[in-house]
Amino acid sequence: MQTPMLDVYTKLTDGCSMSYESIGAGETEFTLGGAINGALVLTFTGAALRDFLALATEALDRNTKSTVDASSASEPPTK
């Protein structure tokens, strides 16, 4: 197992510029942000991108479920 070469902490918010480019040999490069305010570039192999997509989907599902559960808990019971 290889580890990343650098630790980076980034927060992406609504409206953040995001793009991707296929760079050949089964690799995809994602650019998050832009040249003016800086950018984060991530390059994935096909297998790593599938693993990341599965993990991101799980996180999104959990986050959505937590939001729905919290919303339901704050609503008054119906009669």
N, C-alpha and C. Protein backbone atom coordinates (compact mmCIF):
# COMPACT_ATOMS: atom_id res chain seq x y z
N MET A 1 0.84 -1.19 0.00
CA MET A 1 0.00 0.00 0.00
C MET A 1 0.88 1.24 0.00
N GLN A 2 0.58 2.16 -0.90
CA GLN A 2 1.32 3.42 -0.94
C GLN A 2 0.54 4.49 -0.19
N THR A 3 1.27 5.43 0.35
CA THR A 3 0.64 6.54 1.05
C THR A 3 0.85 7.82 0.25
N PRO A 4 -0.03 8.82 0.45
CA PRO A 4 0.17 10.09 -0.25
C PRO A 4 1.54 10.68 0.09
N MET A 5 2.07 11.47 -0.82
CA MET A 5 3.37 12.10 -0.61
C MET A 5 3.26 13.40 0.18
N LEU A 6 2.02 13.89 0.37
CA LEU A 6 1.83 15.19 1.00
C LEU A 6 0.47 15.23 1.66
N ASP A 7 0.39 15.80 2.86
CA ASP A 7 -0.89 16.00 3.52
C ASP A 7 -1.43 17.37 3.14
N VAL A 8 -2.68 17.40 2.68
CA VAL A 8 -3.32 18.66 2.29
C VAL A 8 -4.72 18.67 2.87
N TYR A 9 -5.10 19.78 3.48
CA TYR A 9 -6.44 19.95 4.03
C TYR A 9 -7.14 21.05 3.24
N THR A 10 -8.27 20.69 2.64
CA THR A 10 -8.99 21.62 1.78
C THR A 10 -10.48 21.52 2.07
N LYS A 11 -11.17 22.63 2.06
CA LYS A 11 -12.63 22.64 2.19
C LYS A 11 -13.22 23.12 0.88
N LEU A 12 -14.07 22.28 0.29
CA LEU A 12 -14.75 22.65 -0.95
C LEU A 12 -16.17 23.07 -0.60
N THR A 13 -16.59 24.21 -1.12
CA THR A 13 -17.92 24.72 -0.84
C THR A 13 -18.71 24.86 -2.14
N ASP A 14 -20.00 25.15 -2.01
CA ASP A 14 -20.84 25.37 -3.20
C ASP A 14 -20.19 26.39 -4.11
N GLY A 15 -20.24 26.13 -5.39
CA GLY A 15 -19.72 27.06 -6.37
C GLY A 15 -18.23 26.93 -6.66
N CYS A 16 -17.55 26.02 -5.97
CA CYS A 16 -16.12 25.82 -6.22
C CYS A 16 -15.93 25.26 -7.63
N SER A 17 -15.03 25.83 -8.35
CA SER A 17 -14.72 25.36 -9.70
C SER A 17 -14.12 23.96 -9.62
N MET A 18 -14.66 23.04 -10.43
CA MET A 18 -14.16 21.67 -10.48
C MET A 18 -14.13 21.21 -11.93
N SER A 19 -13.04 20.57 -12.31
CA SER A 19 -12.95 20.03 -13.66
C SER A 19 -12.10 18.76 -13.63
N TYR A 20 -12.15 18.00 -14.71
CA TYR A 20 -11.32 16.81 -14.81
C TYR A 20 -10.79 16.67 -16.21
N GLU A 21 -9.73 15.88 -16.32
CA GLU A 21 -9.12 15.62 -17.61
C GLU A 21 -8.57 14.20 -17.58
N SER A 22 -8.84 13.45 -18.63
CA SER A 22 -8.25 12.13 -18.78
C SER A 22 -6.83 12.35 -19.27
N ILE A 23 -5.87 11.85 -18.51
CA ILE A 23 -4.48 12.11 -18.88
C ILE A 23 -3.79 10.87 -19.44
N GLY A 24 -4.59 9.89 -19.83
CA GLY A 24 -4.03 8.71 -20.47
C GLY A 24 -3.64 7.63 -19.48
N ALA A 25 -3.39 6.46 -20.03
CA ALA A 25 -2.96 5.30 -19.24
C ALA A 25 -3.91 5.02 -18.07
N GLY A 26 -5.22 5.27 -18.26
CA GLY A 26 -6.20 4.97 -17.22
C GLY A 26 -6.17 5.91 -16.05
N GLU A 27 -5.61 7.10 -16.20
CA GLU A 27 -5.54 8.06 -15.11
C GLU A 27 -6.43 9.27 -15.41
N THR A 28 -7.03 9.79 -14.34
CA THR A 28 -7.87 10.98 -14.44
C THR A 28 -7.36 12.02 -13.46
N GLU A 29 -7.25 13.25 -13.93
CA GLU A 29 -6.77 14.35 -13.11
C GLU A 29 -7.93 15.30 -12.82
N PHE A 30 -8.19 15.56 -11.55
CA PHE A 30 -9.23 16.49 -11.12
C PHE A 30 -8.57 17.78 -10.64
N THR A 31 -9.11 18.91 -11.07
CA THR A 31 -8.65 20.21 -10.59
C THR A 31 -9.79 20.85 -9.82
N LEU A 32 -9.54 21.17 -8.57
CA LEU A 32 -10.53 21.77 -7.68
C LEU A 32 -10.04 23.16 -7.33
N GLY A 33 -10.83 24.17 -7.69
CA GLY A 33 -10.40 25.55 -7.50
C GLY A 33 -9.87 26.10 -8.81
N GLY A 34 -9.17 27.21 -8.74
CA GLY A 34 -8.68 27.82 -9.97
C GLY A 34 -7.35 28.49 -9.79
N ALA A 35 -6.85 29.05 -10.87
CA ALA A 35 -5.53 29.66 -10.87
C ALA A 35 -5.46 30.93 -10.00
N ILE A 36 -6.58 31.66 -9.89
CA ILE A 36 -6.56 32.93 -9.15
C ILE A 36 -6.42 32.70 -7.65
N ASN A 37 -7.23 31.80 -7.09
CA ASN A 37 -7.21 31.57 -5.65
C ASN A 37 -6.49 30.28 -5.27
N GLY A 38 -5.81 29.67 -6.20
CA GLY A 38 -5.12 28.43 -5.92
C GLY A 38 -5.99 27.24 -6.28
N ALA A 39 -5.37 26.12 -6.49
CA ALA A 39 -6.10 24.92 -6.89
C ALA A 39 -5.49 23.70 -6.22
N LEU A 40 -6.30 22.70 -6.09
CA LEU A 40 -5.86 21.38 -5.64
C LEU A 40 -6.04 20.45 -6.82
N VAL A 41 -4.99 19.73 -7.18
CA VAL A 41 -5.05 18.80 -8.29
C VAL A 41 -4.86 17.40 -7.75
N LEU A 42 -5.80 16.51 -8.07
CA LEU A 42 -5.73 15.11 -7.65
C LEU A 42 -5.68 14.23 -8.88
N THR A 43 -4.75 13.30 -8.92
CA THR A 43 -4.66 12.36 -10.03
C THR A 43 -4.93 10.96 -9.50
N PHE A 44 -5.91 10.29 -10.12
CA PHE A 44 -6.32 8.95 -9.70
C PHE A 44 -6.05 7.94 -10.82
N THR A 45 -5.61 6.75 -10.45
CA THR A 45 -5.66 5.64 -11.40
C THR A 45 -7.11 5.18 -11.44
N GLY A 46 -7.46 4.37 -12.42
CA GLY A 46 -8.84 3.89 -12.53
C GLY A 46 -9.31 3.18 -11.27
N ALA A 47 -8.49 2.28 -10.75
CA ALA A 47 -8.87 1.51 -9.55
C ALA A 47 -9.00 2.42 -8.33
N ALA A 48 -8.07 3.35 -8.18
CA ALA A 48 -8.13 4.28 -7.03
C ALA A 48 -9.36 5.17 -7.12
N LEU A 49 -9.72 5.60 -8.34
CA LEU A 49 -10.91 6.44 -8.52
C LEU A 49 -12.17 5.66 -8.15
N ARG A 50 -12.25 4.39 -8.54
CA ARG A 50 -13.41 3.57 -8.15
C ARG A 50 -13.49 3.43 -6.64
N ASP A 51 -12.36 3.20 -5.98
CA ASP A 51 -12.34 3.09 -4.51
C ASP A 51 -12.78 4.41 -3.87
N PHE A 52 -12.27 5.53 -4.39
CA PHE A 52 -12.63 6.83 -3.85
C PHE A 52 -14.12 7.11 -4.05
N LEU A 53 -14.63 6.77 -5.22
CA LEU A 53 -16.05 6.98 -5.52
C LEU A 53 -16.93 6.18 -4.55
N ALA A 54 -16.55 4.94 -4.27
CA ALA A 54 -17.31 4.13 -3.32
C ALA A 54 -17.28 4.76 -1.93
N LEU A 55 -16.12 5.23 -1.50
CA LEU A 55 -15.99 5.85 -0.19
C LEU A 55 -16.77 7.16 -0.13
N ALA A 56 -16.69 7.99 -1.18
CA ALA A 56 -17.42 9.26 -1.22
C ALA A 56 -18.92 9.03 -1.23
N THR A 57 -19.38 7.99 -1.94
CA THR A 57 -20.80 7.66 -1.97
C THR A 57 -21.28 7.26 -0.58
N GLU A 58 -20.48 6.46 0.12
CA GLU A 58 -20.82 6.06 1.49
C GLU A 58 -20.91 7.28 2.41
N ALA A 59 -19.95 8.19 2.29
CA ALA A 59 -19.95 9.40 3.12
C ALA A 59 -21.16 10.27 2.82
N LEU A 60 -21.49 10.42 1.54
CA LEU A 60 -22.65 11.22 1.15
C LEU A 60 -23.94 10.60 1.67
N ASP A 61 -24.06 9.28 1.54
CA ASP A 61 -25.26 8.59 2.05
C ASP A 61 -25.40 8.78 3.56
N ARG A 62 -24.30 8.65 4.29
CA ARG A 62 -24.35 8.84 5.75
C ARG A 62 -24.69 10.27 6.12
N ASN A 63 -24.07 11.22 5.42
CA ASN A 63 -24.31 12.63 5.70
C ASN A 63 -25.77 12.98 5.40
N THR A 64 -26.29 12.48 4.30
CA THR A 64 -27.69 12.74 3.94
C THR A 64 -28.62 12.12 4.98
N LYS A 65 -28.33 10.90 5.41
CA LYS A 65 -29.15 10.23 6.42
C LYS A 65 -29.10 11.00 7.74
N SER A 66 -27.93 11.47 8.15
CA SER A 66 -27.80 12.23 9.39
C SER A 66 -28.59 13.53 9.31
N THR A 67 -28.56 14.19 8.15
CA THR A 67 -29.30 15.44 7.97
C THR A 67 -30.80 15.19 8.05
N VAL A 68 -31.28 14.12 7.41
CA VAL A 68 -32.70 13.77 7.44
C VAL A 68 -33.11 13.40 8.85
N ASP A 69 -32.29 12.60 9.56
CA ASP A 69 -32.61 12.21 10.93
C ASP A 69 -32.68 13.43 11.84
N ALA A 70 -31.74 14.36 11.71
CA ALA A 70 -31.74 15.57 12.54
C ALA A 70 -32.94 16.44 12.22
N SER A 71 -33.32 16.52 10.96
CA SER A 71 -34.47 17.30 10.55
C SER A 71 -35.75 16.70 11.11
N SER A 72 -35.86 15.39 11.07
CA SER A 72 -37.06 14.70 11.58
C SER A 72 -37.18 14.87 13.09
N ALA A 73 -36.06 14.86 13.78
CA ALA A 73 -36.07 14.97 15.24
C ALA A 73 -36.51 16.36 15.68
N SER A 74 -36.30 17.37 14.85
CA SER A 74 -36.67 18.72 15.25
C SER A 74 -38.11 19.08 14.90
N GLU A 75 -38.77 18.23 14.14
CA GLU A 75 -40.16 18.51 13.77
C GLU A 75 -41.10 18.02 14.88
N PRO A 76 -42.18 18.79 15.16
CA PRO A 76 -43.12 18.34 16.17
C PRO A 76 -43.88 17.10 15.67
N PRO A 77 -44.25 16.21 16.57
CA PRO A 77 -44.99 15.02 16.16
C PRO A 77 -46.34 15.41 15.55
N THR A 78 -46.77 14.64 14.56
CA THR A 78 -48.07 14.89 13.93
C THR A 78 -49.12 14.06 14.65
N LYS A 79 -50.34 14.57 14.65
CA LYS A 79 -51.43 13.88 15.33
C LYS A 79 -52.21 13.02 14.37
